Protein backbone atom coordinates (compact mmCIF):
# COMPACT_ATOMS: atom_id res chain seq x y z
CA MET A 1 10.09 14.11 3.19
CA ASN A 2 9.26 11.29 5.68
CA ILE A 3 10.06 7.68 4.89
CA GLY A 4 7.43 5.05 5.74
CA LEU A 5 7.60 1.15 5.40
CA ILE A 6 4.60 -1.05 4.62
CA ILE A 7 5.14 -4.56 5.14
CA VAL A 8 2.45 -7.19 3.82
CA GLY A 9 1.87 -10.70 4.76
CA ASP A 10 -0.22 -13.09 6.79
CA GLU A 11 2.80 -15.01 7.56
CA ILE A 12 4.51 -12.14 9.54
CA LEU A 13 1.63 -11.33 11.69
CA SER A 14 0.99 -15.26 12.61
CA GLY A 15 4.68 -15.65 13.52
CA LYS A 16 5.31 -18.32 10.76
CA ARG A 17 8.14 -15.86 9.40
CA GLN A 18 10.14 -13.46 11.26
CA ASP A 19 10.08 -9.83 9.59
CA LYS A 20 13.73 -8.75 8.67
CA HIS A 21 12.65 -5.64 6.61
CA LEU A 22 12.15 -3.27 9.64
CA ALA A 23 15.52 -3.70 10.92
CA LYS A 24 17.42 -3.73 7.38
CA VAL A 25 15.34 -0.46 6.00
CA ILE A 26 16.41 1.19 9.10
CA GLU A 27 20.04 0.16 8.59
CA LEU A 28 19.86 1.12 4.90
CA LEU A 29 18.55 4.59 5.87
CA SER A 30 20.84 5.37 8.64
CA ALA A 31 24.02 4.58 6.54
CA ARG A 32 22.65 7.29 4.49
CA GLY A 33 21.88 9.61 7.05
CA LEU A 34 18.05 9.16 6.60
CA ALA A 35 15.56 7.98 9.24
CA LEU A 36 12.38 5.99 9.10
CA ALA A 37 9.17 8.21 10.34
CA TRP A 38 6.71 5.05 10.41
CA ALA A 39 6.14 1.30 9.64
CA ARG A 40 2.99 -0.46 9.35
CA TYR A 41 2.24 -4.21 9.18
CA VAL A 42 -0.82 -5.30 7.11
CA GLY A 43 -2.08 -9.01 6.66
CA ASP A 44 -3.10 -10.38 3.29
CA ASP A 45 -6.55 -8.71 3.45
CA ARG A 46 -7.59 -6.49 0.44
CA PHE A 47 -9.77 -4.15 2.23
CA LEU A 48 -6.78 -3.39 4.66
CA ILE A 49 -4.05 -3.23 2.20
CA THR A 50 -6.15 -0.78 0.17
CA GLN A 51 -6.76 1.30 2.89
CA ALA A 52 -3.00 1.39 3.95
CA LEU A 53 -2.14 2.17 0.48
CA ARG A 54 -4.66 4.77 -0.11
CA GLU A 55 -3.17 6.49 2.95
CA ALA A 56 0.39 6.01 1.59
CA PHE A 57 -0.53 7.61 -1.72
CA ALA A 58 -2.34 10.65 -0.23
CA GLY A 59 0.30 11.34 2.40
CA GLY A 60 3.21 12.83 0.25
CA ASP A 61 5.80 10.43 2.15
CA ILE A 62 8.54 8.22 0.43
CA VAL A 63 6.91 4.50 0.99
CA PHE A 64 8.49 1.23 0.46
CA SER A 65 5.85 -1.45 0.57
CA CYS A 66 7.41 -5.03 0.75
CA GLY A 67 5.29 -8.24 -0.16
CA GLY A 68 2.28 -9.41 -1.86
CA ILE A 69 3.24 -8.61 -5.54
CA GLY A 70 3.62 -11.94 -6.85
CA ALA A 71 0.78 -13.92 -8.93
CA THR A 72 -0.43 -16.47 -6.40
CA PRO A 73 -4.02 -16.04 -4.78
CA ASP A 74 -2.56 -14.94 -1.76
CA ASP A 75 -0.84 -11.82 -3.22
CA HIS A 76 -2.89 -8.68 -3.39
CA THR A 77 -0.58 -5.80 -3.22
CA ARG A 78 -0.70 -4.87 -7.15
CA GLN A 79 -4.55 -5.24 -7.26
CA CYS A 80 -5.06 -3.17 -4.19
CA ALA A 81 -2.38 -0.18 -5.35
CA ALA A 82 -4.60 -0.12 -8.57
CA ALA A 83 -7.77 -0.03 -6.42
CA ALA A 84 -6.39 2.60 -3.80
CA LEU A 85 -5.41 4.78 -7.06
CA GLY A 86 -8.52 4.34 -8.83
CA VAL A 87 -6.92 2.94 -11.92
CA ALA A 88 -6.87 -0.20 -14.02
CA LEU A 89 -4.29 -2.88 -13.84
CA GLU A 90 -2.17 -3.14 -17.12
CA LEU A 91 0.54 -5.49 -18.30
CA HIS A 92 3.45 -3.36 -18.42
CA PRO A 93 5.28 -3.97 -21.86
CA GLU A 94 8.61 -3.90 -20.39
CA ALA A 95 7.67 -6.25 -17.47
CA ARG A 96 6.07 -8.44 -19.95
CA LYS A 97 9.55 -8.59 -21.75
CA LEU A 98 11.64 -9.29 -18.68
CA ILE A 99 9.36 -11.99 -17.28
CA LEU A 100 9.51 -13.79 -20.66
CA GLU A 101 13.21 -13.60 -20.97
CA ARG A 102 13.49 -15.17 -17.37
CA MET A 103 11.11 -17.95 -18.24
CA ARG A 104 12.93 -18.82 -21.23
CA GLU A 105 16.08 -18.83 -19.28
CA ILE A 106 14.36 -21.40 -16.67
CA ALA A 107 13.33 -23.49 -19.60
CA GLN A 108 16.75 -23.52 -20.99
CA GLU A 109 18.16 -24.45 -17.58
CA GLN A 110 15.74 -27.23 -17.04
CA GLY A 111 16.43 -28.67 -20.95
CA GLN A 112 12.89 -27.80 -21.91
CA ALA A 113 11.63 -26.02 -24.94
CA PHE A 114 9.92 -22.55 -24.24
CA ASP A 115 6.48 -22.19 -24.82
CA PRO A 116 5.18 -18.71 -24.00
CA GLU A 117 1.50 -19.99 -24.52
CA ARG A 118 2.00 -22.89 -21.80
CA GLU A 119 -0.49 -21.92 -18.71
CA ASP A 120 1.82 -21.60 -16.42
CA ASN A 121 3.81 -19.10 -18.32
CA ARG A 122 1.01 -17.16 -19.14
CA GLN A 123 0.06 -17.04 -15.25
CA ARG A 124 3.51 -15.82 -14.58
CA LEU A 125 2.76 -12.57 -16.55
CA ASN A 126 0.44 -11.68 -14.12
CA MET A 127 3.43 -10.44 -12.13
CA GLY A 128 3.84 -7.70 -14.62
CA MET A 129 0.24 -6.40 -14.31
CA PHE A 130 0.81 -3.08 -12.57
CA PRO A 131 -1.54 0.07 -12.08
CA ALA A 132 -1.62 2.21 -15.26
CA GLY A 133 1.18 4.52 -15.17
CA ALA A 134 3.54 2.75 -13.13
CA ARG A 135 7.40 2.74 -13.30
CA LEU A 136 9.39 -0.37 -13.03
CA ILE A 137 11.98 -1.22 -10.46
CA ALA A 138 14.82 -3.16 -11.63
CA ASN A 139 15.31 -6.40 -9.61
CA PRO A 140 18.91 -7.62 -10.10
CA TYR A 141 18.39 -11.03 -8.42
CA ASN A 142 15.97 -12.61 -11.07
CA ARG A 143 15.01 -9.41 -13.33
CA ILE A 144 11.15 -9.88 -12.11
CA PRO A 145 10.29 -6.15 -11.76
CA GLY A 146 8.74 -4.40 -9.01
CA PHE A 147 6.99 -0.78 -9.43
CA SER A 148 6.66 2.59 -8.60
CA VAL A 149 3.79 5.13 -8.45
CA GLY A 150 5.09 8.38 -7.57
CA ASP A 151 6.93 7.93 -4.27
CA VAL A 152 5.42 4.83 -3.26
CA HIS A 153 7.65 1.72 -4.16
CA PHE A 154 6.39 -1.80 -4.35
CA VAL A 155 9.18 -4.70 -3.92
CA PRO A 156 9.11 -8.45 -3.32
CA GLY A 157 8.68 -9.76 0.12
CA PHE A 158 12.01 -11.92 -0.44
CA PRO A 159 15.00 -9.94 1.22
CA VAL A 160 17.35 -11.15 -1.06
CA MET A 161 15.46 -9.14 -3.98
CA ALA A 162 13.64 -6.28 -2.01
CA TRP A 163 16.73 -4.94 -0.23
CA PRO A 164 18.80 -4.29 -3.17
CA MET A 165 16.02 -2.71 -4.99
CA ILE A 166 15.40 -0.39 -2.16
CA GLU A 167 19.16 0.55 -2.15
CA SER A 168 18.88 1.17 -6.03
CA LEU A 169 16.07 3.81 -5.19
CA LEU A 170 18.08 5.36 -2.11
CA ASP A 171 21.02 5.76 -4.22
CA GLY A 172 19.60 6.88 -7.30
CA ARG A 173 16.17 8.58 -7.20
CA TYR A 174 16.77 9.80 -3.51
CA ALA A 175 20.56 10.60 -3.42
CA ALA A 176 20.27 14.21 -2.93
CA LEU A 177 18.24 13.44 0.33
CA HIS A 178 21.43 11.73 1.91
CA GLY A 179 22.37 13.07 5.40
CA SER A 180 19.20 15.07 5.49
CA ALA A 181 17.87 13.48 8.69
CA ARG A 182 21.35 12.79 10.60
CA LEU A 183 21.31 14.17 14.18
CA ALA A 184 23.66 14.79 16.55
CA GLU A 185 22.77 12.98 19.98
CA ARG A 186 24.03 13.54 23.64
CA SER A 187 22.63 11.54 26.35
CA VAL A 188 23.19 10.46 30.25
CA ILE A 189 22.17 7.72 32.54
CA VAL A 190 20.31 9.40 35.34
CA PHE A 191 19.71 7.54 38.77
CA GLY A 192 17.41 8.10 41.62
CA SER A 193 14.85 10.28 39.57
CA MET A 194 11.51 9.61 37.96
CA GLU A 195 10.16 10.61 34.30
CA GLY A 196 7.24 12.60 35.97
CA THR A 197 9.63 14.62 37.86
CA LEU A 198 11.99 15.33 34.83
CA THR A 199 9.29 16.10 32.44
CA PRO A 200 9.03 20.00 33.08
CA LEU A 201 12.78 20.07 32.57
CA MET A 202 12.45 18.23 29.18
CA GLU A 203 9.59 20.64 28.01
CA ARG A 204 11.75 23.88 29.11
CA ILE A 205 14.66 22.40 27.15
CA GLU A 206 12.45 22.01 23.92
CA ARG A 207 10.99 25.59 24.44
CA GLU A 208 14.56 27.27 24.97
CA PHE A 209 16.39 25.43 21.99
CA THR A 210 14.80 25.57 18.80
CA GLY A 211 15.26 22.25 16.74
CA ILE A 212 16.34 20.35 19.71
CA ARG A 213 14.26 17.09 20.61
CA VAL A 214 14.40 15.54 24.29
CA PHE A 215 14.06 11.78 24.91
CA SER A 216 13.63 9.65 27.66
CA LEU A 217 14.34 6.08 27.86
CA PRO A 218 13.65 4.40 31.36
CA SER A 219 14.70 1.07 32.33
CA VAL A 220 13.90 -1.21 35.36
CA ASP A 221 16.22 -4.04 34.86
CA HIS A 222 19.18 -3.29 32.70
CA PRO A 223 22.20 -5.59 33.20
CA GLN A 224 24.56 -2.76 33.92
CA TYR A 225 23.05 0.03 35.34
CA GLY A 226 19.83 -1.12 37.06
CA ARG A 227 16.83 0.93 37.52
CA HIS A 228 17.69 4.20 35.56
CA ILE A 229 16.74 6.67 32.85
CA GLU A 230 18.65 7.46 29.82
CA LEU A 231 17.86 11.17 29.15
CA GLY A 232 19.16 13.11 26.30
CA VAL A 233 18.93 15.66 23.49
CA LYS A 234 19.07 15.36 19.82
CA GLY A 235 19.30 17.75 16.93
CA ARG A 236 21.06 19.22 13.56
CA ASN A 237 22.17 22.61 15.07
CA GLY A 238 24.73 24.19 17.04
CA ASP A 239 22.75 24.29 20.30
CA ILE A 240 23.15 20.48 20.98
CA GLU A 241 25.75 21.00 23.58
CA LYS A 242 24.24 24.19 25.09
CA ALA A 243 21.00 22.07 25.19
CA PHE A 244 22.77 19.01 26.90
CA GLU A 245 24.64 21.35 29.73
CA SER A 246 21.24 22.84 30.37
CA LEU A 247 19.68 19.30 30.81
CA ARG A 248 22.45 17.78 32.74
CA ASP A 249 22.41 20.90 35.24
CA GLY A 250 18.58 20.69 35.55
CA VAL A 251 18.86 17.07 36.35
CA LEU A 252 21.40 17.93 39.29
CA ALA A 253 19.04 20.82 40.46
CA LEU A 254 16.20 18.32 40.79
CA GLY A 255 18.42 16.01 42.73
CA GLY A 256 19.10 13.41 40.33
CA GLN A 257 22.34 11.63 40.13
CA ILE A 258 24.43 11.71 37.02
CA GLY A 259 25.89 8.53 35.54
CA PRO A 260 28.05 7.96 32.29
CA GLU A 261 27.42 10.21 29.41
CA MET A 262 26.78 8.88 25.83
CA VAL A 263 27.52 10.55 22.44
CA ARG A 264 26.04 8.90 19.09
């Protein structure tokens, strides 16, 4: 299964906040031998969020959606998830219990009597309004849960909450997938050649070695190597070394100069 990431919020697109989720999710996946196939940023626009989620539900991928599940007017993700699924929003009974417990704790910490009918407490229950049939995602930070529908998972935008929630899913529900995307990689620094010259060679390597992918990363101002191309192969089968040897030989045959080799 591919894994995707949706990050919701005007504050990211406007630059008011710097996104930290993309790099962290890549790190969490990599540590488990998994890889991110795609990522998508969406502002606080109900039409665009609904469209993105409709595609996520229909796509069959594992998707983590970060942000927009609060209860303020600029939080739309819960409503958009329900719209994308064509179902109603419902107050999840377990979410209601968890939210009330948290509100009771806050009242005690502030030395106040807890009144569940107070307007602000009633408003906070909206954080437990999820699409019908949703499953809860435990939130170890403050117990206000996220939710899942199928393989699409919704967590808060706060990293301190979102990242442990994503980790719990990866190590629980998706533990059997660990290592399924781990690839071996070999590459070499190439001087004195151009991507257009190397493209036929790259295409030949992919034709000859099933399951091997070739990549090219050109640079014009690298502080150590200057203008060069990092050319390499990656894959999971035993042909990685043979493919790399064929790639190196092909570069030399085309008049390229070989620099340092890299292994990842």
